[in-house]
Amino acid sequence: MPPEKPTRSSAICQASCARSASSGSAAAIAPAEPTRLRARTARANMDHIILRTGRRRNGLHAHRQMARIVHGSREGHTLADRRTDVAGEGRRARRAEGMARREFLRFGAAAAALGGRLTILAADAPAQKLGVAVVGARGMGGYSLDQGIKERLVAIVEIEDKRAAEAMKIVQERAKDAPPPRVYTDYRKMLDECHKDLDVVLSGTPDHHHAPASIRAIQLGKHAFAQKPLAHNIYECYALAKAAREKKVCTQMGNQGYCDEGMRRLVEFTWAGAIGNVTETHTILGRNFGGSGGRPPSKPVPEGLHWDEWLGPAPAREYHDGLHPFSWRSWRQFGTGTIGDMACHHLARIFWPLKIYTLKKFSVTCLHTKGGSDEMYPQDNVLLWELPEREGQPPCKVYAYDHGGLKPEVMKEVEKKYDRKFGEASLLIGDKGLMGHEPYIITEERRNDFKPPEKTLPRAHGGPIEDLFWCIRNGGTPASNFPDAAGPLTAWVLTGHLAMFAGVGKKLEWDVEKMECTNVPEINRFVKREYRKGWEV
């Protein structure tokens, strides 16, 4: 069964956001002060505090320890002013510079252990619709547009006229009676002009825009959604987590699995000892982004494409083929390769059940790679994270493979012996059996002997954006929020980049609190990018 209370504070989630963009100095995070439950007078004489899971507090022992963490709305405030109040157990903030990075995710371990949803009854849900801005409305941003139309769509940001027209056509067809949203090509200008009308900003852009767009929204006190991966580099993960905690807003990353029932059952099965102590995992990511060589020849910018805004924080360069609208994923200045694009989905199945969020140190090694250059990510990558003991769990080796062509022998043997196929999938190996990510206990004898545990983790309220909107209205913490889940998860998987750049066989020792590789310091230049003026994070 899940522990009633995390036995130590978060690790991958505890460092502060660190180097400032201007000086590179560390900046300590001040955790939110504990707050008292805010409830309307009509609820004052309730016999119990009811958790949003629908179960009584006295029936959820794991949540008991977090009863002082309150998310509520304030009486008399407009919807735009109602911000989720987040606070937690622990020491008051020490603001000395010596606390640098220690508060990346103040309550990460506790939140992740409870499903990242420390949710207590909030004030009545507001009747009015949320004011929404959609940054990137086509492609992956189509999901944002769909959800924004259901609310009060204030603005759309698109860097291509054709895509903006497509988005507006959809809006006109599905929201005929609503005022038309304002259309922009630059989210900085949109936020300057529309922030008073906004409650939440939904970003579905290329990876290099996720952090610049989201952090600007958060700094204005707006709730924020960003597609996976949360950020383009490790530093941005820390910065977004810090900003979200300081501003006490609801945030969510678009890795749908974190909202799924299967994910929660996998965690519950693992913590209940379904296959004993997990000592090894293998995950196929299912893509092969990247390449080798330099840039193709320069070409004129296509008509209607706002190239400077597309570049955003990246260094200025001329337009060329192989970037917009999809293949930017292979390019180091814009995407995050296979590990960034897919690991926030598939390695999330390992991160949560194995309590990787509690780690303060781990190692990562690239075992195989091909190609790559100063411009493009390498392909055919095989990565190994070696995890020390974690809250009652033994050391574990976590393997990740870019695609099925790199499938390890252990997966092939399981496929042959148990008539099972692994596509984009994970295999967990324990000292009492094998388990797929569904979860599915592969060995029949162990499957018959194991009694499935009760459902103890809080459940999400629909998909990522639906869950975000629910928490904004009702109080609570979204499943893949930036401080407790998305930030530490993305920072962990992006250490894979450092291993690729270091070369095959070079083991890197990573210190979470210091946000640095301690044994190969020269690799730390890849932790943070250089930003074009005006686009800093």
Foldseek 3Di string as FASTA:
>chain_A
DQDLFFPDAFALQFFALAQDQPGRAFFAFWFAAQDAEDEDPVCVPPPFWAFPLRDTPVVFSSLVQWVRFFFEFDPPDDLLPGFTDGHGDDDGGDGDSVRGTRGLFGHQLSCLSQLVWSGTFYYAFDPAFFEEEQEDCDDQNVVVLVVCLVGQDAEYADQFPVVVVVSQVVSCVRPVPHDGHHYHPALVVVCVPCVVRHAEYEYDAFQQCLLLNFLVNLQSLHEYEYEFQNHLFLSSLSVNSSSCRVSRHAYFYFQFVSQDPLLLLLLQCLSVQLQHFWAEKEFEQAAWAAAADDFDDADADPPRGNVVSNLFFFDDDGDDPQPPPPRVCFWSRTHQGSLRVGCLHAVLSVCSSQVVRRDQKKKKAWADWAHHDNTGATTFIKMWIWADDDSPHHIHIYIYTHFPVNDDPVQVVLCVVQVDDDGRWMWTHHPRAIATSSTDTRDPVSVVVDDRDDRNHRHADDGRVRSSVCCSRTNIHGSQTSSRHSSSSSSVSSVNRLNRVVHHPDMWMAGSNVRATDPCRVSCVRNDDRTDPPSGD
